[in-house]
Amino acid sequence: MLLRSRNNPDTLVSTQDSVHNYYESLVIAQLLRASDRANEDAEFMADVTCVALNRLPPRYVRHDVDMTFFLSPAEMEEMETKVAHAVNHAMAYVETREREKLAATSRASDEERE
């Protein structure tokens, strides 16, 4: 969907470019603080980010300042706590799935050698 820019009516802005989930930046920031691996492994970062975001309610905004302006400090702290829990769960989930996949691949490889 395209919208006309308020500042420049001759410019069309994609809704997709102007609307985002507020939790995205919080999750990414928390993940980068919590995991050295996320700083080096883009696939891991993307997987964990998706799992974490799927555990959180969507909070769509056009501008981050809209959300921070309307939240009380207690609500902001609650969101940050939820984000930390979601990221921790997501990291554990992704790492467990990776270990399971590696173990299954190793078993299959061992069976082929026999």
Protein backbone atom coordinates (compact mmCIF):
# COMPACT_ATOMS: atom_id res chain seq x y z
CA MET A 1 0.00 0.00 0.00
CA LEU A 2 1.38 3.42 -0.88
CA LEU A 3 0.70 6.58 1.09
CA ARG A 4 1.28 10.20 0.21
CA SER A 5 3.98 11.83 2.29
CA ARG A 6 2.68 14.64 4.50
CA ASN A 7 5.88 16.62 4.05
CA ASN A 8 6.00 16.13 0.29
CA PRO A 9 2.59 15.27 -1.25
CA ASP A 10 4.25 14.39 -4.56
CA THR A 11 6.17 11.55 -2.89
CA LEU A 12 4.62 8.15 -2.30
CA VAL A 13 5.82 6.21 0.75
CA SER A 14 5.35 2.48 1.13
CA THR A 15 3.38 1.53 4.24
CA GLN A 16 5.82 -1.32 4.64
CA ASP A 17 8.67 1.18 4.93
CA SER A 18 6.90 3.42 7.43
CA VAL A 19 5.38 0.85 9.82
CA HIS A 20 7.35 -1.59 11.96
CA ASN A 21 7.06 -3.74 15.06
CA TYR A 22 8.52 -1.79 17.99
CA TYR A 23 9.83 -5.02 19.54
CA GLU A 24 12.20 -5.63 16.60
CA SER A 25 14.83 -3.13 17.71
CA LEU A 26 14.46 -4.14 21.38
CA VAL A 27 14.95 -7.83 20.53
CA ILE A 28 17.98 -7.17 18.33
CA ALA A 29 19.61 -4.92 20.94
CA GLN A 30 19.00 -7.48 23.71
CA LEU A 31 20.32 -10.32 21.57
CA LEU A 32 23.50 -8.40 20.74
CA ARG A 33 24.03 -7.74 24.47
CA ALA A 34 23.31 -11.34 25.47
CA SER A 35 25.23 -13.27 22.82
CA ASP A 36 28.69 -12.88 21.35
CA ARG A 37 27.65 -15.35 18.67
CA ALA A 38 24.87 -13.06 17.46
CA ASN A 39 27.49 -10.44 16.68
CA GLU A 40 29.33 -12.88 14.39
CA ASP A 41 26.69 -15.24 12.98
CA ALA A 42 23.95 -13.57 10.91
CA GLU A 43 21.98 -16.82 10.49
CA PHE A 44 21.90 -17.38 14.26
CA MET A 45 20.88 -13.78 14.83
CA ALA A 46 18.05 -13.99 12.29
CA ASP A 47 16.77 -17.32 13.65
CA VAL A 48 16.82 -16.17 17.28
CA THR A 49 15.22 -12.83 16.38
CA CYS A 50 12.34 -14.56 14.59
CA VAL A 51 11.72 -17.02 17.43
CA ALA A 52 11.84 -14.25 20.04
CA LEU A 53 9.51 -11.96 18.09
CA ASN A 54 7.00 -14.79 17.69
CA ARG A 55 6.85 -15.03 21.50
CA LEU A 56 6.00 -11.34 21.90
CA PRO A 57 2.83 -9.46 21.04
CA PRO A 58 3.15 -7.21 17.99
CA ARG A 59 3.35 -3.48 18.74
CA TYR A 60 3.25 -1.67 15.43
CA VAL A 61 4.37 1.95 15.24
CA ARG A 62 5.47 4.42 12.61
CA HIS A 63 8.05 6.09 14.84
CA ASP A 64 9.73 4.63 17.92
CA VAL A 65 9.27 7.90 19.76
CA ASP A 66 5.49 7.31 19.54
CA MET A 67 5.84 4.23 21.72
CA THR A 68 8.31 5.64 24.24
CA PHE A 69 6.24 8.81 24.66
CA PHE A 70 3.10 6.89 25.61
CA LEU A 71 4.68 4.25 27.88
CA SER A 72 5.20 4.72 31.59
CA PRO A 73 8.61 3.74 32.99
CA ALA A 74 6.97 0.64 34.56
CA GLU A 75 5.49 -0.41 31.20
CA MET A 76 8.84 0.09 29.49
CA GLU A 77 10.58 -2.00 32.14
CA GLU A 78 7.94 -4.73 31.71
CA MET A 79 8.53 -4.75 27.94
CA GLU A 80 12.29 -5.01 28.45
CA THR A 81 11.80 -7.92 30.86
CA LYS A 82 9.55 -9.70 28.37
CA VAL A 83 12.12 -9.12 25.62
CA ALA A 84 14.94 -10.54 27.77
CA HIS A 85 12.89 -13.66 28.54
CA ALA A 86 11.89 -14.09 24.89
CA VAL A 87 15.50 -13.72 23.70
CA ASN A 88 16.83 -16.17 26.31
CA HIS A 89 14.16 -18.72 25.37
CA ALA A 90 14.81 -18.20 21.66
CA MET A 91 18.58 -18.66 22.02
CA ALA A 92 18.06 -21.89 23.97
CA TYR A 93 15.51 -23.12 21.43
CA VAL A 94 17.72 -22.39 18.38
CA GLU A 95 20.81 -23.90 20.02
CA THR A 96 18.87 -27.04 21.01
CA ARG A 97 17.53 -27.44 17.47
CA GLU A 98 21.06 -27.02 16.06
CA ARG A 99 22.42 -29.71 18.42
CA GLU A 100 19.56 -32.07 17.51
CA LYS A 101 20.17 -31.52 13.80
CA LEU A 102 23.91 -32.09 14.23
CA ALA A 103 23.30 -35.29 16.22
CA ALA A 104 20.86 -36.60 13.59
CA THR A 105 23.33 -35.81 10.81
CA SER A 106 26.11 -37.54 12.73
CA ARG A 107 23.96 -40.66 13.33
CA ALA A 108 23.02 -40.82 9.64
CA SER A 109 26.66 -40.48 8.67
CA ASP A 110 27.63 -43.27 11.09
CA GLU A 111 24.91 -45.55 9.70
CA GLU A 112 26.14 -44.98 6.14
CA ARG A 113 29.66 -46.04 7.13
CA GLU A 114 28.43 -49.32 8.64
